[in-house]
Protein backbone atom coordinates (compact mmCIF):
# COMPACT_ATOMS: atom_id res chain seq x y z
CA MET A 1 134.73 24.77 128.75
CA CYS A 2 137.60 26.82 127.52
CA GLY A 3 139.02 29.07 124.82
CA ILE A 4 136.70 31.98 125.60
CA THR A 5 139.71 34.21 126.15
CA GLY A 6 141.25 33.36 122.80
CA LEU A 7 143.30 35.85 120.82
CA TRP A 8 142.39 37.76 117.70
CA ARG A 9 144.67 39.37 115.15
CA SER A 10 144.77 43.14 114.66
CA GLY A 11 147.57 44.03 112.28
CA ASN A 12 150.68 42.54 113.90
CA THR A 13 149.31 42.62 117.44
CA LEU A 14 147.24 40.16 119.46
CA SER A 15 144.37 41.21 121.68
CA GLN A 16 142.19 39.40 124.21
CA VAL A 17 138.71 38.33 123.11
CA SER A 18 137.20 38.71 126.60
CA LYS A 19 137.28 41.57 129.04
CA PRO A 20 138.68 41.17 132.55
CA CYS A 21 136.31 39.74 135.14
CA PRO A 22 135.34 42.55 137.55
CA HIS A 23 135.88 42.38 141.29
CA PRO A 24 137.32 38.83 141.60
CA GLN A 25 137.86 39.19 145.37
CA GLN A 26 134.18 40.00 145.93
CA THR A 27 133.16 37.02 143.82
CA LEU A 28 135.54 34.77 145.75
CA GLN A 29 134.14 35.90 149.10
CA ALA A 30 130.58 35.29 147.93
CA ASP A 31 131.45 31.82 146.64
CA LEU A 32 133.15 30.85 149.92
CA SER A 33 130.23 32.09 152.05
CA VAL A 34 127.74 30.04 150.01
CA MET A 35 130.00 26.99 150.26
CA THR A 36 130.17 27.33 154.05
CA TRP A 37 126.37 27.46 154.30
CA LEU A 38 125.82 24.45 152.00
CA LEU A 39 128.36 22.31 153.87
CA HIS A 40 125.79 22.02 156.68
CA TYR A 41 123.65 19.92 154.33
CA VAL A 42 126.33 17.84 152.61
CA ASP A 43 128.57 14.96 153.64
CA PRO A 44 131.97 15.96 152.18
CA SER A 45 133.47 12.57 153.09
CA ASP A 46 131.20 10.76 150.62
CA PRO A 47 133.50 9.16 147.98
CA SER A 48 131.26 10.20 145.08
CA PHE A 49 131.36 13.80 146.32
CA VAL A 50 135.16 13.71 146.53
CA VAL A 51 135.43 12.27 143.01
CA ALA A 52 133.10 14.99 141.70
CA ILE A 53 135.27 17.70 143.27
CA LEU A 54 138.39 16.18 141.70
CA THR A 55 136.87 15.96 138.22
CA ILE A 56 135.59 19.55 138.46
CA ALA A 57 139.03 20.85 139.45
CA PHE A 58 141.03 18.69 137.06
CA GLY A 59 139.51 19.83 133.75
CA PRO A 60 140.56 23.51 133.66
CA PHE A 61 143.91 22.63 135.25
CA PHE A 62 144.56 20.02 132.56
CA TRP A 63 143.66 22.08 129.53
CA ASN A 64 145.50 25.18 130.70
CA VAL A 65 148.69 23.24 131.46
CA VAL A 66 148.58 21.35 128.17
CA ALA A 67 147.79 24.47 126.15
CA ARG A 68 150.69 26.42 127.62
CA TRP A 69 153.01 23.47 127.18
CA GLU A 70 152.01 23.34 123.50
CA TYR A 71 152.46 27.09 123.15
CA ARG A 72 156.02 26.87 124.48
CA THR A 73 157.15 23.63 122.82
CA ARG A 74 154.82 22.89 119.86
CA ARG A 75 155.13 19.24 120.84
CA LEU A 76 151.51 18.30 120.13
CA SER A 77 151.62 19.96 116.71
CA SER A 78 154.81 18.06 116.01
CA VAL A 79 153.37 14.70 117.12
CA PHE A 80 150.16 15.15 115.10
CA ARG A 81 152.02 16.90 112.24
CA SER A 82 149.41 19.61 112.17
CA PRO A 83 148.33 22.30 114.66
CA TYR A 84 144.71 21.79 113.61
CA LEU A 85 144.78 18.04 114.24
CA ALA A 86 146.52 18.62 117.57
CA CYS A 87 143.87 21.17 118.58
CA TYR A 88 141.06 18.83 117.50
CA SER A 89 142.61 16.04 119.59
CA LEU A 90 142.88 18.23 122.68
CA GLY A 91 139.32 19.40 122.14
CA ALA A 92 138.10 15.80 122.01
CA VAL A 93 139.86 15.03 125.31
CA ILE A 94 138.32 18.13 126.92
CA LEU A 95 134.84 17.06 125.76
CA LEU A 96 135.37 13.62 127.29
CA LEU A 97 136.53 15.19 130.54
CA ASN A 98 133.38 17.33 130.59
CA VAL A 99 131.20 14.26 130.08
CA LEU A 100 133.01 12.54 132.98
CA ARG A 101 132.57 15.65 135.15
CA SER A 102 128.85 15.78 134.47
CA HIS A 103 128.48 12.07 135.25
CA CYS A 104 130.36 12.41 138.56
CA PHE A 105 128.34 15.55 139.41
CA THR A 106 125.08 13.62 138.92
CA GLN A 107 126.28 10.58 140.86
CA ALA A 108 127.28 12.79 143.79
CA MET A 109 123.82 14.35 143.85
CA LEU A 110 122.08 10.96 143.76
CA SER A 111 124.21 9.61 146.59
CA GLN A 112 123.11 12.27 149.09
CA PRO A 113 119.71 13.45 150.40
CA LYS A 114 117.55 16.06 148.73
CA MET A 115 116.60 19.35 150.40
CA GLU A 116 112.90 19.31 151.24
CA GLY A 117 112.54 23.06 150.73
CA LEU A 118 113.65 22.73 147.11
CA GLU A 119 111.23 19.95 146.18
CA ASN A 120 108.50 22.02 144.54
CA PRO A 121 107.33 22.82 140.99
CA THR A 122 108.61 26.40 141.11
CA THR A 123 112.18 25.35 141.90
CA TYR A 124 112.03 22.63 139.25
CA CYS A 125 110.84 25.08 136.59
CA LEU A 126 113.54 27.57 137.62
CA GLY A 127 116.14 24.87 137.23
CA LEU A 128 114.75 23.91 133.83
CA ALA A 129 114.88 27.55 132.72
CA LEU A 130 118.50 27.89 133.87
CA LEU A 131 119.37 24.71 132.01
CA GLY A 132 117.81 26.15 128.87
CA VAL A 133 119.61 29.49 129.17
CA GLY A 134 122.91 27.78 129.93
CA THR A 135 122.56 25.53 126.92
CA ILE A 136 121.86 28.52 124.67
CA PHE A 137 124.98 30.28 125.96
CA VAL A 138 127.18 27.22 125.49
CA LEU A 139 125.97 26.36 121.99
CA SER A 140 125.89 29.95 120.71
CA SER A 141 129.41 30.49 122.06
CA PHE A 142 130.60 27.39 120.25
CA PHE A 143 129.03 28.46 116.95
CA ALA A 144 130.43 32.00 117.31
CA LEU A 145 134.00 30.80 118.04
CA GLY A 146 134.15 27.59 116.06
CA PHE A 147 135.89 24.46 117.28
CA THR A 148 139.42 25.83 117.32
CA GLY A 149 138.31 29.14 118.83
CA THR A 150 136.54 27.28 121.61
CA PHE A 151 139.26 24.75 122.31
CA LEU A 152 142.35 26.93 122.75
CA GLY A 153 143.33 27.17 119.11
CA ASP A 154 145.25 30.37 119.85
CA TYR A 155 147.84 28.32 121.77
CA PHE A 156 148.35 26.23 118.64
CA GLY A 157 148.93 29.33 116.52
CA ILE A 158 145.40 29.22 115.10
CA LEU A 159 144.26 32.83 115.48
CA MET A 160 140.87 34.38 114.76
CA GLU A 161 140.85 37.18 112.22
CA ALA A 162 138.65 39.47 114.28
CA ARG A 163 137.30 39.87 117.78
CA VAL A 164 134.02 38.03 118.39
CA THR A 165 131.33 40.56 119.33
CA THR A 166 128.15 38.74 118.31
CA PHE A 167 125.72 37.07 120.69
CA PRO A 168 126.33 35.89 123.37
CA PHE A 169 129.59 37.88 123.68
CA SER A 170 127.58 41.07 123.15
CA ILE A 171 125.78 40.59 126.49
CA VAL A 172 128.11 38.66 128.79
CA ASP A 173 131.82 37.94 129.25
CA ASN A 174 132.95 34.32 129.11
CA PRO A 175 129.52 32.97 128.02
CA MET A 176 130.81 29.41 127.74
CA TYR A 177 131.78 29.36 131.41
CA CYS A 178 128.62 31.24 132.45
CA GLY A 179 126.47 28.85 130.45
CA SER A 180 128.15 25.79 131.89
CA THR A 181 127.67 27.09 135.43
CA ALA A 182 124.01 27.84 134.71
CA ASN A 183 123.56 24.28 133.44
CA TYR A 184 124.93 22.78 136.63
CA LEU A 185 122.89 25.16 138.81
CA GLY A 186 119.73 24.27 136.91
CA TRP A 187 120.49 20.55 137.14
CA ALA A 188 121.03 20.85 140.89
CA LEU A 189 117.75 22.73 141.39
CA MET A 190 115.82 20.22 139.32
CA HIS A 191 117.14 17.49 141.64
CA ALA A 192 116.50 19.58 144.79
CA SER A 193 120.09 18.74 145.71
CA PRO A 194 122.16 20.74 148.22
CA THR A 195 125.11 18.63 147.09
CA GLY A 196 124.52 19.79 143.54
CA LEU A 197 124.32 23.41 144.67
CA LEU A 198 127.59 23.11 146.52
CA LEU A 199 129.28 21.48 143.54
CA THR A 200 127.93 24.27 141.34
CA VAL A 201 129.68 26.79 143.59
CA VAL A 202 132.87 24.76 143.15
CA VAL A 203 132.37 24.85 139.36
CA ALA A 204 131.93 28.64 139.45
CA PHE A 205 135.00 29.05 141.67
CA VAL A 206 137.19 26.86 139.42
CA TYR A 207 136.02 28.76 136.34
CA MET A 208 136.75 32.08 138.07
CA VAL A 209 140.30 30.95 138.80
CA ALA A 210 140.70 29.65 135.24
CA ILE A 211 139.55 32.98 133.80
CA GLN A 212 142.11 34.90 135.84
CA TYR A 213 144.81 32.47 134.77
CA GLU A 214 143.82 32.55 131.09
CA GLU A 215 143.61 36.33 130.93
């Protein structure tokens, strides 16, 4: 998801909602090492795996490019004759892209073998717990920010009146991205899927890049 680094108004100045992500190089190195290990269990030439990678990478690229284009030109607001309607329309497209990404993620997992060591009740319950925590983060973030705060309303000139400091922003930076990543990790563990684990690392990496770009 997106919009977690939206702007808030303080007098005549604008400030970031989220704090910078610490040690991005260390996170990048960790992600790459995990990806290298998981590639031993995954067939990267599988078409469904390739499609899943593309859908994961495309979403953040799309909404960041479109949001910055709107910020510079106000074309979407002009076409829809309202910044709110334009933001709602972009948000709807982003939601559809997320549904497509989740579908492709699942299809990629189902098309490749499971990892025997992950097929046990403990791993399944851990995955279920992560899915629950991730869902709480995603939904609570949405309710805290609202639709326009979540879906890049700041680029449409729709600014929040104050910085969001309530849960889950009180305990974690970028809770929408963290929650989404936890959801995919939980889903992968529940399916005992090394392919799902590798795709989750890709999701985390893409979000990390998006956060640096958005901030």
